[in-house]
Amino acid sequence: MAKQLPVKLSHKSALVLLPPSRITAPIEAIRSVYDKQFLRWPPHINLLYPFLASPSESCKLKHDIRIRIEQVARAIPPFHMSLESDQPGVFHHNLKNKTVWLGPTTYSNIRKLQAALYSEFSVNGVDRDRRPFMPHISVGKAQSQGGVDEISVEITKSISEFLSHNAEKDDKPTTLEWYVDRVHVLERKDEKDRFKIVGTISLGEPSTRVEQATTSVG
């Protein structure tokens, strides 16, 4: 497909993965205390950010952008992801700016997805960061190592307590399971507004989605 979208990148738009609401409660409990972006972002993993801004004021994703995402998504089958909270990751931006985050236990599937999306949209100015793509869900900001340690303890405790209420999770007390079968485009009108979903695109061919979903039941 011809890559023609003379649309500039915008920090008001993002292509992301969103964890299902059934597992977000323990994450949001910690983000509400430690993450200044709590009111502006839902818990998410950025795939491409900034992304292409939709020129329309409507609440729907621009058709041309949707078609291109669908082309990539169709070739990537749904996959399972495990978010491990036992040892949260940390980005050290500078001495007084650190981000605590949760990441998947394995990276191959999500990196394959992100690389395919990057390849499709790189012509529009989507540029790869100098650092390797590190999929993560941010859970809090800290200004010191003590702050990092506090957030790390709290997110592990929050998830462990949440999972303790589910008997089937007893063998993995700090791991959130997630079946990734779609990507989302988020947009906001103003820098201070909360991001909202304007488009959702399923992964895999229709037949693959049905087979994968059936296999994952139980």
N, C-alpha and C. Protein backbone atom coordinates (compact mmCIF):
# COMPACT_ATOMS: atom_id res chain seq x y z
N MET A 1 0.85 -1.20 0.00
CA MET A 1 0.00 0.00 0.00
C MET A 1 0.88 1.24 0.00
N ALA A 2 0.50 2.23 -0.81
CA ALA A 2 1.29 3.45 -0.88
C ALA A 2 1.25 4.17 0.45
N LYS A 3 2.43 4.56 0.89
CA LYS A 3 2.52 5.26 2.17
C LYS A 3 2.38 6.75 1.93
N GLN A 4 1.18 7.28 1.90
CA GLN A 4 0.98 8.69 1.64
C GLN A 4 0.02 9.30 2.65
N LEU A 5 0.60 9.92 3.62
CA LEU A 5 -0.19 10.64 4.62
C LEU A 5 0.64 11.84 5.09
N PRO A 6 0.48 12.98 4.45
CA PRO A 6 1.26 14.15 4.82
C PRO A 6 0.77 14.74 6.13
N VAL A 7 0.74 13.89 7.15
CA VAL A 7 0.26 14.32 8.45
C VAL A 7 1.43 14.39 9.42
N LYS A 8 1.58 15.50 10.12
CA LYS A 8 2.70 15.63 11.03
C LYS A 8 2.45 14.85 12.31
N LEU A 9 3.54 14.53 12.99
CA LEU A 9 3.43 13.83 14.26
C LEU A 9 2.90 14.77 15.34
N SER A 10 2.23 14.17 16.30
CA SER A 10 1.66 14.97 17.38
C SER A 10 1.72 14.23 18.70
N HIS A 11 2.06 14.96 19.76
CA HIS A 11 2.02 14.38 21.10
C HIS A 11 0.59 14.30 21.63
N LYS A 12 -0.36 14.64 20.79
CA LYS A 12 -1.77 14.49 21.14
C LYS A 12 -2.33 13.18 20.59
N SER A 13 -1.45 12.34 20.05
CA SER A 13 -1.89 11.07 19.46
C SER A 13 -0.88 9.99 19.79
N ALA A 14 -1.37 8.76 20.04
CA ALA A 14 -0.49 7.64 20.38
C ALA A 14 -1.11 6.34 19.89
N LEU A 15 -0.25 5.42 19.45
CA LEU A 15 -0.67 4.07 19.09
C LEU A 15 -0.18 3.16 20.20
N VAL A 16 -1.10 2.48 20.88
CA VAL A 16 -0.76 1.82 22.14
C VAL A 16 -1.41 0.45 22.29
N LEU A 17 -0.94 -0.26 23.31
CA LEU A 17 -1.63 -1.42 23.84
C LEU A 17 -2.26 -1.00 25.17
N LEU A 18 -3.49 -1.41 25.39
CA LEU A 18 -4.18 -1.12 26.65
C LEU A 18 -4.48 -2.43 27.36
N PRO A 19 -4.02 -2.59 28.59
CA PRO A 19 -4.34 -3.81 29.33
C PRO A 19 -5.84 -3.88 29.59
N PRO A 20 -6.41 -5.08 29.65
CA PRO A 20 -7.85 -5.21 29.92
C PRO A 20 -8.19 -4.68 31.30
N SER A 21 -9.38 -4.13 31.43
CA SER A 21 -9.79 -3.50 32.69
C SER A 21 -9.77 -4.46 33.87
N ARG A 22 -9.90 -5.76 33.61
CA ARG A 22 -9.94 -6.74 34.70
C ARG A 22 -8.61 -6.84 35.45
N ILE A 23 -7.51 -6.32 34.88
CA ILE A 23 -6.22 -6.41 35.57
C ILE A 23 -5.63 -5.04 35.93
N THR A 24 -6.35 -3.97 35.66
CA THR A 24 -5.76 -2.64 35.86
C THR A 24 -5.93 -2.07 37.27
N ALA A 25 -6.83 -2.62 38.06
CA ALA A 25 -7.09 -2.05 39.39
C ALA A 25 -5.83 -1.89 40.25
N PRO A 26 -4.97 -2.91 40.38
CA PRO A 26 -3.79 -2.75 41.24
C PRO A 26 -2.78 -1.77 40.66
N ILE A 27 -2.76 -1.63 39.35
CA ILE A 27 -1.87 -0.66 38.71
C ILE A 27 -2.37 0.76 38.96
N GLU A 28 -3.67 0.95 38.75
CA GLU A 28 -4.24 2.28 38.92
C GLU A 28 -4.19 2.75 40.37
N ALA A 29 -4.27 1.81 41.31
CA ALA A 29 -4.19 2.18 42.72
C ALA A 29 -2.85 2.85 43.03
N ILE A 30 -1.79 2.38 42.40
CA ILE A 30 -0.46 2.96 42.62
C ILE A 30 -0.25 4.20 41.77
N ARG A 31 -0.70 4.16 40.52
CA ARG A 31 -0.56 5.33 39.65
C ARG A 31 -1.27 6.55 40.22
N SER A 32 -2.41 6.33 40.84
CA SER A 32 -3.18 7.45 41.38
C SER A 32 -2.41 8.22 42.45
N VAL A 33 -1.44 7.56 43.05
CA VAL A 33 -0.63 8.18 44.10
C VAL A 33 0.70 8.71 43.57
N TYR A 34 1.33 7.95 42.66
CA TYR A 34 2.70 8.25 42.27
C TYR A 34 2.90 8.75 40.84
N ASP A 35 1.87 8.70 40.01
CA ASP A 35 2.03 9.08 38.61
C ASP A 35 1.29 10.39 38.32
N LYS A 36 2.03 11.45 37.99
CA LYS A 36 1.42 12.74 37.71
C LYS A 36 0.58 12.72 36.43
N GLN A 37 0.81 11.72 35.59
CA GLN A 37 0.05 11.60 34.34
C GLN A 37 -1.21 10.74 34.51
N PHE A 38 -1.53 10.39 35.73
CA PHE A 38 -2.66 9.49 35.99
C PHE A 38 -3.96 9.98 35.36
N LEU A 39 -4.23 11.27 35.45
CA LEU A 39 -5.49 11.81 34.93
C LEU A 39 -5.47 12.01 33.42
N ARG A 40 -4.29 11.98 32.82
CA ARG A 40 -4.20 12.24 31.38
C ARG A 40 -4.04 10.97 30.55
N TRP A 41 -3.43 9.96 31.13
CA TRP A 41 -3.20 8.71 30.40
C TRP A 41 -3.86 7.54 31.12
N PRO A 42 -4.44 6.61 30.38
CA PRO A 42 -4.83 5.33 30.98
C PRO A 42 -3.57 4.48 31.10
N PRO A 43 -3.56 3.39 31.85
CA PRO A 43 -2.40 2.50 31.85
C PRO A 43 -2.20 1.97 30.43
N HIS A 44 -0.98 2.02 29.92
CA HIS A 44 -0.77 1.68 28.51
C HIS A 44 0.68 1.32 28.24
N ILE A 45 0.90 0.71 27.08
CA ILE A 45 2.24 0.50 26.53
C ILE A 45 2.29 1.23 25.21
N ASN A 46 3.17 2.21 25.09
CA ASN A 46 3.30 2.93 23.83
C ASN A 46 3.96 2.04 22.77
N LEU A 47 3.36 2.01 21.60
CA LEU A 47 3.98 1.36 20.44
C LEU A 47 4.60 2.42 19.55
N LEU A 48 3.85 3.49 19.28
CA LEU A 48 4.36 4.64 18.53
C LEU A 48 3.84 5.91 19.20
N TYR A 49 4.75 6.72 19.70
CA TYR A 49 4.38 7.99 20.32
C TYR A 49 5.56 8.95 20.23
N PRO A 50 5.36 10.15 19.69
CA PRO A 50 4.12 10.70 19.15
C PRO A 50 3.67 9.94 17.90
N PHE A 51 2.38 10.10 17.58
CA PHE A 51 1.82 9.41 16.42
C PHE A 51 1.19 10.44 15.49
N LEU A 52 0.50 9.94 14.45
CA LEU A 52 -0.10 10.83 13.46
C LEU A 52 -1.38 11.44 14.00
N ALA A 53 -1.45 12.73 13.97
CA ALA A 53 -2.64 13.41 14.45
C ALA A 53 -3.73 13.35 13.39
N SER A 54 -4.92 13.06 13.81
CA SER A 54 -6.05 13.08 12.89
C SER A 54 -6.46 14.53 12.65
N PRO A 55 -6.59 14.93 11.39
CA PRO A 55 -6.94 16.33 11.10
C PRO A 55 -8.39 16.66 11.43
N SER A 56 -9.18 15.63 11.69
CA SER A 56 -10.59 15.84 11.96
C SER A 56 -10.83 16.12 13.44
N GLU A 57 -11.89 16.84 13.71
CA GLU A 57 -12.29 17.11 15.10
C GLU A 57 -13.24 16.03 15.60
N SER A 58 -13.50 15.03 14.76
CA SER A 58 -14.42 13.97 15.15
C SER A 58 -13.75 13.04 16.15
N CYS A 59 -14.53 12.13 16.72
CA CYS A 59 -14.01 11.18 17.70
C CYS A 59 -13.65 9.85 17.05
N LYS A 60 -13.52 9.85 15.72
CA LYS A 60 -13.20 8.62 15.02
C LYS A 60 -11.83 8.73 14.35
N LEU A 61 -11.13 7.62 14.29
CA LEU A 61 -9.81 7.58 13.67
C LEU A 61 -9.92 7.81 12.17
N LYS A 62 -9.02 8.61 11.62
CA LYS A 62 -9.02 8.88 10.19
C LYS A 62 -8.92 7.56 9.41
N HIS A 63 -9.74 7.44 8.38
CA HIS A 63 -9.86 6.18 7.64
C HIS A 63 -8.51 5.71 7.08
N ASP A 64 -7.73 6.62 6.49
CA ASP A 64 -6.45 6.23 5.89
C ASP A 64 -5.49 5.64 6.92
N ILE A 65 -5.50 6.21 8.11
CA ILE A 65 -4.62 5.70 9.16
C ILE A 65 -5.09 4.33 9.62
N ARG A 66 -6.38 4.16 9.79
CA ARG A 66 -6.93 2.86 10.20
C ARG A 66 -6.57 1.76 9.21
N ILE A 67 -6.70 2.04 7.93
CA ILE A 67 -6.40 1.04 6.90
C ILE A 67 -4.95 0.57 7.00
N ARG A 68 -4.06 1.48 7.25
CA ARG A 68 -2.64 1.13 7.33
C ARG A 68 -2.32 0.32 8.58
N ILE A 69 -2.95 0.67 9.69
CA ILE A 69 -2.76 -0.12 10.91
C ILE A 69 -3.33 -1.52 10.72
N GLU A 70 -4.49 -1.61 10.09
CA GLU A 70 -5.12 -2.91 9.84
C GLU A 70 -4.23 -3.80 8.99
N GLN A 71 -3.57 -3.22 8.02
CA GLN A 71 -2.69 -3.99 7.15
C GLN A 71 -1.57 -4.65 7.95
N VAL A 72 -1.00 -3.91 8.88
CA VAL A 72 0.06 -4.46 9.73
C VAL A 72 -0.51 -5.45 10.74
N ALA A 73 -1.58 -5.07 11.40
CA ALA A 73 -2.16 -5.89 12.47
C ALA A 73 -2.62 -7.24 11.97
N ARG A 74 -3.09 -7.30 10.74
CA ARG A 74 -3.59 -8.55 10.18
C ARG A 74 -2.49 -9.62 10.11
N ALA A 75 -1.26 -9.17 9.96
CA ALA A 75 -0.14 -10.11 9.82
C ALA A 75 0.46 -10.54 11.16
N ILE A 76 -0.01 -9.96 12.26
CA ILE A 76 0.51 -10.28 13.60
C ILE A 76 -0.58 -11.00 14.39
N PRO A 77 -0.41 -12.28 14.68
CA PRO A 77 -1.44 -13.00 15.45
C PRO A 77 -1.48 -12.53 16.90
N PRO A 78 -2.63 -12.66 17.56
CA PRO A 78 -2.73 -12.33 18.98
C PRO A 78 -1.72 -13.15 19.79
N PHE A 79 -1.34 -12.64 20.94
CA PHE A 79 -0.35 -13.34 21.76
C PHE A 79 -0.62 -13.08 23.23
N HIS A 80 -0.06 -13.93 24.07
CA HIS A 80 -0.19 -13.78 25.52
C HIS A 80 0.99 -12.97 26.06
N MET A 81 0.69 -12.16 27.06
CA MET A 81 1.72 -11.37 27.71
C MET A 81 1.59 -11.52 29.22
N SER A 82 2.72 -11.60 29.90
CA SER A 82 2.75 -11.65 31.36
C SER A 82 3.50 -10.43 31.86
N LEU A 83 2.86 -9.65 32.72
CA LEU A 83 3.49 -8.49 33.33
C LEU A 83 3.98 -8.87 34.71
N GLU A 84 5.28 -8.80 34.90
CA GLU A 84 5.90 -9.22 36.16
C GLU A 84 6.16 -8.02 37.05
N SER A 85 5.63 -8.06 38.28
CA SER A 85 5.80 -6.93 39.20
C SER A 85 6.81 -7.22 40.31
N ASP A 86 7.37 -8.40 40.33
CA ASP A 86 8.29 -8.77 41.40
C ASP A 86 9.55 -7.91 41.39
N GLN A 87 10.00 -7.54 40.19
CA GLN A 87 11.17 -6.68 40.05
C GLN A 87 10.86 -5.60 39.02
N PRO A 88 10.17 -4.54 39.41
CA PRO A 88 9.83 -3.47 38.47
C PRO A 88 11.08 -2.85 37.85
N GLY A 89 10.95 -2.35 36.63
CA GLY A 89 12.05 -1.69 35.97
C GLY A 89 12.10 -0.21 36.35
N VAL A 90 13.25 0.42 36.07
CA VAL A 90 13.42 1.84 36.39
C VAL A 90 14.15 2.54 35.25
N PHE A 91 13.62 3.66 34.81
CA PHE A 91 14.32 4.54 33.89
C PHE A 91 14.91 5.68 34.70
N HIS A 92 16.22 5.88 34.59
CA HIS A 92 16.89 6.96 35.30
C HIS A 92 17.10 8.11 34.32
N HIS A 93 16.16 9.04 34.26
CA HIS A 93 16.25 10.15 33.32
C HIS A 93 17.35 11.12 33.73
N ASN A 94 17.41 11.42 35.00
CA ASN A 94 18.50 12.20 35.59
C ASN A 94 18.49 11.94 37.09
N LEU A 95 19.31 12.68 37.84
CA LEU A 95 19.45 12.39 39.26
C LEU A 95 18.14 12.50 40.03
N LYS A 96 17.24 13.39 39.61
CA LYS A 96 16.00 13.59 40.35
C LYS A 96 14.75 13.32 39.52
N ASN A 97 14.90 12.48 38.53
CA ASN A 97 13.75 12.15 37.68
C ASN A 97 13.84 10.70 37.25
N LYS A 98 13.04 9.86 37.87
CA LYS A 98 13.08 8.43 37.62
C LYS A 98 11.66 7.90 37.42
N THR A 99 11.52 6.92 36.54
CA THR A 99 10.22 6.32 36.27
C THR A 99 10.26 4.84 36.62
N VAL A 100 9.33 4.39 37.44
CA VAL A 100 9.20 2.97 37.78
C VAL A 100 8.14 2.38 36.86
N TRP A 101 8.43 1.21 36.32
CA TRP A 101 7.52 0.63 35.33
C TRP A 101 7.45 -0.89 35.43
N LEU A 102 6.39 -1.43 34.83
CA LEU A 102 6.22 -2.87 34.70
C LEU A 102 6.44 -3.26 33.25
N GLY A 103 7.11 -4.38 33.04
CA GLY A 103 7.36 -4.84 31.68
C GLY A 103 6.99 -6.29 31.51
N PRO A 104 6.84 -6.72 30.26
CA PRO A 104 6.52 -8.13 29.99
C PRO A 104 7.69 -9.03 30.31
N THR A 105 7.39 -10.29 30.61
CA THR A 105 8.45 -11.25 30.92
C THR A 105 9.21 -11.66 29.66
N THR A 106 8.56 -11.59 28.51
CA THR A 106 9.23 -11.86 27.22
C THR A 106 8.86 -10.74 26.25
N TYR A 107 9.78 -10.44 25.33
CA TYR A 107 9.61 -9.27 24.48
C TYR A 107 9.41 -9.58 23.00
N SER A 108 9.62 -10.80 22.56
CA SER A 108 9.67 -11.09 21.13
C SER A 108 8.40 -10.69 20.38
N ASN A 109 7.23 -11.06 20.89
CA ASN A 109 5.98 -10.77 20.18
C ASN A 109 5.68 -9.28 20.09
N ILE A 110 5.82 -8.59 21.20
CA ILE A 110 5.50 -7.17 21.19
C ILE A 110 6.52 -6.37 20.38
N ARG A 111 7.78 -6.79 20.39
CA ARG A 111 8.78 -6.11 19.58
C ARG A 111 8.54 -6.35 18.10
N LYS A 112 8.07 -7.53 17.76
CA LYS A 112 7.73 -7.82 16.36
C LYS A 112 6.59 -6.91 15.90
N LEU A 113 5.59 -6.75 16.75
CA LEU A 113 4.46 -5.88 16.44
C LEU A 113 4.90 -4.43 16.29
N GLN A 114 5.70 -3.96 17.23
CA GLN A 114 6.14 -2.57 17.19
C GLN A 114 7.01 -2.30 15.97
N ALA A 115 7.89 -3.24 15.65
CA ALA A 115 8.78 -3.07 14.50
C ALA A 115 7.98 -2.99 13.20
N ALA A 116 6.94 -3.79 13.08
CA ALA A 116 6.11 -3.78 11.88
C ALA A 116 5.36 -2.45 11.75
N LEU A 117 4.86 -1.94 12.85
CA LEU A 117 4.16 -0.66 12.83
C LEU A 117 5.12 0.48 12.53
N TYR A 118 6.30 0.42 13.11
CA TYR A 118 7.31 1.44 12.85
C TYR A 118 7.68 1.46 11.37
N SER A 119 7.86 0.28 10.80
CA SER A 119 8.22 0.19 9.39
C SER A 119 7.14 0.81 8.50
N GLU A 120 5.89 0.58 8.83
CA GLU A 120 4.77 1.12 8.05
C GLU A 120 4.70 2.64 8.12
N PHE A 121 4.98 3.20 9.29
CA PHE A 121 4.76 4.64 9.47
C PHE A 121 6.04 5.48 9.50
N SER A 122 7.20 4.87 9.32
CA SER A 122 8.45 5.62 9.40
C SER A 122 8.53 6.70 8.32
N VAL A 123 7.89 6.48 7.18
CA VAL A 123 7.92 7.46 6.10
C VAL A 123 7.23 8.76 6.51
N ASN A 124 6.35 8.68 7.48
CA ASN A 124 5.64 9.87 7.95
C ASN A 124 6.37 10.60 9.07
N GLY A 125 7.61 10.19 9.31
CA GLY A 125 8.40 10.89 10.32
C GLY A 125 8.47 10.20 11.65
N VAL A 126 7.76 9.08 11.81
CA VAL A 126 7.87 8.31 13.05
C VAL A 126 9.29 7.77 13.12
N ASP A 127 10.04 8.21 14.09
CA ASP A 127 11.45 7.87 14.17
C ASP A 127 11.73 7.01 15.38
N ARG A 128 12.62 6.07 15.21
CA ARG A 128 12.98 5.18 16.31
C ARG A 128 13.90 5.90 17.30
N ASP A 129 13.59 5.78 18.56
CA ASP A 129 14.44 6.34 19.61
C ASP A 129 15.80 5.68 19.53
N ARG A 130 16.83 6.39 19.96
CA ARG A 130 18.18 5.83 19.94
C ARG A 130 18.29 4.60 20.83
N ARG A 131 17.48 4.57 21.87
CA ARG A 131 17.48 3.40 22.75
C ARG A 131 16.62 2.31 22.14
N PRO A 132 16.92 1.04 22.47
CA PRO A 132 16.08 -0.05 21.98
C PRO A 132 14.66 0.11 22.52
N PHE A 133 13.67 -0.34 21.75
CA PHE A 133 12.28 -0.28 22.19
C PHE A 133 12.13 -1.12 23.46
N MET A 134 11.65 -0.50 24.52
CA MET A 134 11.47 -1.18 25.79
C MET A 134 10.01 -1.07 26.22
N PRO A 135 9.19 -2.07 25.88
CA PRO A 135 7.77 -2.00 26.23
C PRO A 135 7.58 -1.94 27.73
N HIS A 136 6.72 -1.03 28.18
CA HIS A 136 6.52 -0.87 29.62
C HIS A 136 5.23 -0.13 29.92
N ILE A 137 4.73 -0.33 31.13
CA ILE A 137 3.63 0.46 31.67
C ILE A 137 4.18 1.26 32.85
N SER A 138 4.18 2.57 32.73
CA SER A 138 4.68 3.41 33.81
C SER A 138 3.73 3.37 35.00
N VAL A 139 4.29 3.25 36.20
CA VAL A 139 3.43 3.19 37.39
C VAL A 139 3.70 4.34 38.36
N GLY A 140 4.83 5.05 38.19
CA GLY A 140 5.08 6.15 39.10
C GLY A 140 6.39 6.87 38.83
N LYS A 141 6.48 8.10 39.33
CA LYS A 141 7.68 8.92 39.21
C LYS A 141 8.32 9.10 40.58
N ALA A 142 9.65 9.13 40.58
CA ALA A 142 10.38 9.31 41.84
C ALA A 142 11.54 10.27 41.62
N GLN A 143 11.97 10.92 42.70
CA GLN A 143 13.09 11.85 42.62
C GLN A 143 14.35 11.30 43.27
N SER A 144 14.24 10.12 43.87
CA SER A 144 15.39 9.53 44.55
C SER A 144 15.29 8.02 44.51
N GLN A 145 16.38 7.36 44.89
CA GLN A 145 16.35 5.91 44.95
C GLN A 145 15.38 5.43 46.01
N GLY A 146 15.26 6.20 47.08
CA GLY A 146 14.29 5.85 48.11
C GLY A 146 12.87 5.87 47.57
N GLY A 147 12.59 6.85 46.73
CA GLY A 147 11.28 6.92 46.11
C GLY A 147 11.03 5.76 45.17
N VAL A 148 12.07 5.38 44.43
CA VAL A 148 11.98 4.22 43.53
C VAL A 148 11.66 2.96 44.33
N ASP A 149 12.39 2.78 45.43
CA ASP A 149 12.18 1.59 46.26
C ASP A 149 10.76 1.55 46.82
N GLU A 150 10.26 2.71 47.23
CA GLU A 150 8.91 2.78 47.79
C GLU A 150 7.86 2.38 46.75
N ILE A 151 7.96 2.94 45.55
CA ILE A 151 6.99 2.61 44.50
C ILE A 151 7.09 1.14 44.12
N SER A 152 8.31 0.63 44.04
CA SER A 152 8.51 -0.78 43.67
C SER A 152 7.85 -1.71 44.68
N VAL A 153 8.03 -1.41 45.95
CA VAL A 153 7.40 -2.23 47.00
C VAL A 153 5.88 -2.14 46.91
N GLU A 154 5.37 -0.94 46.70
CA GLU A 154 3.92 -0.73 46.67
C GLU A 154 3.25 -1.40 45.48
N ILE A 155 3.87 -1.35 44.30
CA ILE A 155 3.23 -1.96 43.13
C ILE A 155 3.26 -3.48 43.24
N THR A 156 4.35 -4.03 43.77
CA THR A 156 4.42 -5.48 43.97
C THR A 156 3.36 -5.93 44.98
N LYS A 157 3.24 -5.19 46.06
CA LYS A 157 2.24 -5.51 47.09
C LYS A 157 0.83 -5.39 46.53
N SER A 158 0.57 -4.33 45.79
CA SER A 158 -0.77 -4.10 45.25
C SER A 158 -1.20 -5.23 44.32
N ILE A 159 -0.30 -5.66 43.44
CA ILE A 159 -0.64 -6.73 42.50
C ILE A 159 -0.75 -8.06 43.21
N SER A 160 0.13 -8.32 44.17
CA SER A 160 0.08 -9.57 44.91
C SER A 160 -1.25 -9.70 45.67
N GLU A 161 -1.67 -8.62 46.32
CA GLU A 161 -2.94 -8.65 47.06
C GLU A 161 -4.13 -8.82 46.11
N PHE A 162 -4.05 -8.19 44.96
CA PHE A 162 -5.11 -8.31 43.96
C PHE A 162 -5.23 -9.74 43.46
N LEU A 163 -4.11 -10.36 43.17
CA LEU A 163 -4.12 -11.72 42.64
C LEU A 163 -4.47 -12.76 43.69
N SER A 164 -4.25 -12.43 44.95
CA SER A 164 -4.54 -13.41 46.01
C SER A 164 -6.03 -13.71 46.10
N HIS A 165 -6.85 -12.87 45.50
CA HIS A 165 -8.30 -13.10 45.51
C HIS A 165 -8.74 -14.04 44.39
N ASN A 166 -7.80 -14.40 43.52
CA ASN A 166 -8.10 -15.31 42.41
C ASN A 166 -7.35 -16.61 42.62
N ALA A 167 -8.03 -17.67 42.94
CA ALA A 167 -7.40 -18.95 43.27
C ALA A 167 -6.48 -19.44 42.18
N GLU A 168 -6.86 -19.22 40.90
CA GLU A 168 -6.06 -19.73 39.81
C GLU A 168 -4.73 -19.00 39.67
N LYS A 169 -4.59 -17.88 40.37
CA LYS A 169 -3.37 -17.10 40.27
C LYS A 169 -2.41 -17.37 41.43
N ASP A 170 -2.76 -18.27 42.31
CA ASP A 170 -1.95 -18.47 43.51
C ASP A 170 -0.52 -18.87 43.20
N ASP A 171 -0.30 -19.55 42.06
CA ASP A 171 1.05 -19.99 41.74
C ASP A 171 1.89 -18.87 41.12
N LYS A 172 1.27 -17.74 40.76
CA LYS A 172 1.99 -16.61 40.20
C LYS A 172 1.51 -15.33 40.89
N PRO A 173 1.88 -15.13 42.13
CA PRO A 173 1.32 -14.04 42.92
C PRO A 173 1.69 -12.63 42.48
N THR A 174 2.67 -12.48 41.61
CA THR A 174 3.05 -11.13 41.20
C THR A 174 2.97 -10.94 39.69
N THR A 175 2.30 -11.83 38.98
CA THR A 175 2.25 -11.76 37.53
C THR A 175 0.83 -11.55 37.01
N LEU A 176 0.65 -10.50 36.23
CA LEU A 176 -0.64 -10.22 35.60
C LEU A 176 -0.64 -10.79 34.19
N GLU A 177 -1.63 -11.61 33.89
CA GLU A 177 -1.73 -12.23 32.57
C GLU A 177 -2.62 -11.39 31.65
N TRP A 178 -2.21 -11.32 30.39
CA TRP A 178 -2.88 -10.43 29.44
C TRP A 178 -2.86 -11.07 28.06
N TYR A 179 -4.03 -11.23 27.46
CA TYR A 179 -4.15 -11.74 26.10
C TYR A 179 -4.24 -10.54 25.16
N VAL A 180 -3.18 -10.30 24.41
CA VAL A 180 -3.09 -9.12 23.54
C VAL A 180 -3.70 -9.46 22.18
N ASP A 181 -4.84 -8.87 21.87
CA ASP A 181 -5.50 -9.17 20.60
C ASP A 181 -5.93 -7.92 19.85
N ARG A 182 -5.45 -6.74 20.29
CA ARG A 182 -5.82 -5.52 19.59
C ARG A 182 -4.89 -4.38 19.96
N VAL A 183 -4.85 -3.38 19.11
CA VAL A 183 -4.11 -2.15 19.39
C VAL A 183 -5.11 -1.00 19.36
N HIS A 184 -4.72 0.11 19.97
CA HIS A 184 -5.63 1.25 20.07
C HIS A 184 -4.91 2.53 19.67
N VAL A 185 -5.65 3.45 19.09
CA VAL A 185 -5.15 4.80 18.84
C VAL A 185 -5.83 5.73 19.84
N LEU A 186 -5.02 6.48 20.56
CA LEU A 186 -5.52 7.45 21.53
C LEU A 186 -5.29 8.86 21.00
N GLU A 187 -6.20 9.76 21.31
CA GLU A 187 -6.03 11.16 20.96
C GLU A 187 -6.57 12.04 22.08
N ARG A 188 -6.07 13.27 22.12
CA ARG A 188 -6.60 14.27 23.04
C ARG A 188 -6.59 15.61 22.30
N LYS A 189 -7.52 16.48 22.63
CA LYS A 189 -7.62 17.76 21.93
C LYS A 189 -6.61 18.77 22.45
N ASP A 190 -6.33 18.71 23.75
CA ASP A 190 -5.42 19.67 24.36
C ASP A 190 -4.41 18.92 25.21
N GLU A 191 -3.25 19.52 25.43
CA GLU A 191 -2.19 18.87 26.19
C GLU A 191 -2.62 18.48 27.60
N LYS A 192 -3.59 19.18 28.16
CA LYS A 192 -4.04 18.88 29.52
C LYS A 192 -5.24 17.94 29.56
N ASP A 193 -5.78 17.59 28.40
CA ASP A 193 -6.93 16.69 28.35
C ASP A 193 -6.51 15.24 28.53
N ARG A 194 -7.46 14.40 28.88
CA ARG A 194 -7.21 12.96 29.00
C ARG A 194 -7.30 12.32 27.62
N PHE A 195 -6.40 11.39 27.36
CA PHE A 195 -6.43 10.65 26.10
C PHE A 195 -7.68 9.78 26.04
N LYS A 196 -8.29 9.74 24.86
CA LYS A 196 -9.47 8.90 24.64
C LYS A 196 -9.24 8.00 23.43
N ILE A 197 -9.86 6.84 23.44
CA ILE A 197 -9.74 5.91 22.32
C ILE A 197 -10.54 6.43 21.13
N VAL A 198 -9.87 6.56 19.97
CA VAL A 198 -10.56 6.96 18.75
C VAL A 198 -10.58 5.83 17.72
N GLY A 199 -9.81 4.77 17.99
CA GLY A 199 -9.79 3.64 17.07
C GLY A 199 -9.22 2.40 17.73
N THR A 200 -9.81 1.25 17.43
CA THR A 200 -9.34 -0.04 17.94
C THR A 200 -9.25 -1.01 16.77
N ILE A 201 -8.08 -1.65 16.63
CA ILE A 201 -7.83 -2.55 15.50
C ILE A 201 -7.40 -3.91 16.03
N SER A 202 -8.05 -4.97 15.60
CA SER A 202 -7.74 -6.32 16.06
C SER A 202 -6.50 -6.87 15.39
N LEU A 203 -5.77 -7.73 16.10
CA LEU A 203 -4.61 -8.41 15.55
C LEU A 203 -5.02 -9.70 14.87
N GLY A 204 -4.26 -10.11 13.84
CA GLY A 204 -4.46 -11.40 13.20
C GLY A 204 -5.60 -11.44 12.21
N GLU A 205 -5.61 -12.51 11.41
CA GLU A 205 -6.72 -12.77 10.51
C GLU A 205 -7.93 -13.18 11.34
N PRO A 206 -9.15 -12.95 10.85
CA PRO A 206 -10.35 -13.33 11.60
C PRO A 206 -10.35 -14.77 12.08
N SER A 207 -9.93 -15.71 11.23
CA SER A 207 -9.93 -17.13 11.62
C SER A 207 -8.94 -17.38 12.74
N THR A 208 -7.80 -16.67 12.71
CA THR A 208 -6.78 -16.81 13.75
C THR A 208 -7.30 -16.29 15.08
N ARG A 209 -8.04 -15.20 15.04
CA ARG A 209 -8.57 -14.61 16.26
C ARG A 209 -9.51 -15.58 16.97
N VAL A 210 -10.37 -16.22 16.20
CA VAL A 210 -11.32 -17.17 16.78
C VAL A 210 -10.58 -18.35 17.39
N GLU A 211 -9.61 -18.88 16.67
CA GLU A 211 -8.84 -20.04 17.16
C GLU A 211 -8.07 -19.69 18.42
N GLN A 212 -7.40 -18.53 18.41
CA GLN A 212 -6.62 -18.11 19.57
C GLN A 212 -7.52 -17.88 20.78
N ALA A 213 -8.65 -17.24 20.57
CA ALA A 213 -9.56 -16.95 21.68
C ALA A 213 -10.11 -18.23 22.28
N THR A 214 -10.42 -19.20 21.43
CA THR A 214 -10.93 -20.48 21.91
C THR A 214 -9.88 -21.21 22.72
N THR A 215 -8.64 -21.15 22.25
CA THR A 215 -7.54 -21.82 22.95
C THR A 215 -7.28 -21.20 24.31
N SER A 216 -7.48 -19.88 24.42
CA SER A 216 -7.15 -19.17 25.66
C SER A 216 -8.21 -19.29 26.74
N VAL A 217 -9.38 -19.79 26.39
CA VAL A 217 -10.46 -19.91 27.38
C VAL A 217 -10.04 -20.84 28.51
N GLY A 218 -10.24 -20.38 29.75
CA GLY A 218 -9.89 -21.21 30.90
C GLY A 218 -8.45 -21.10 31.26
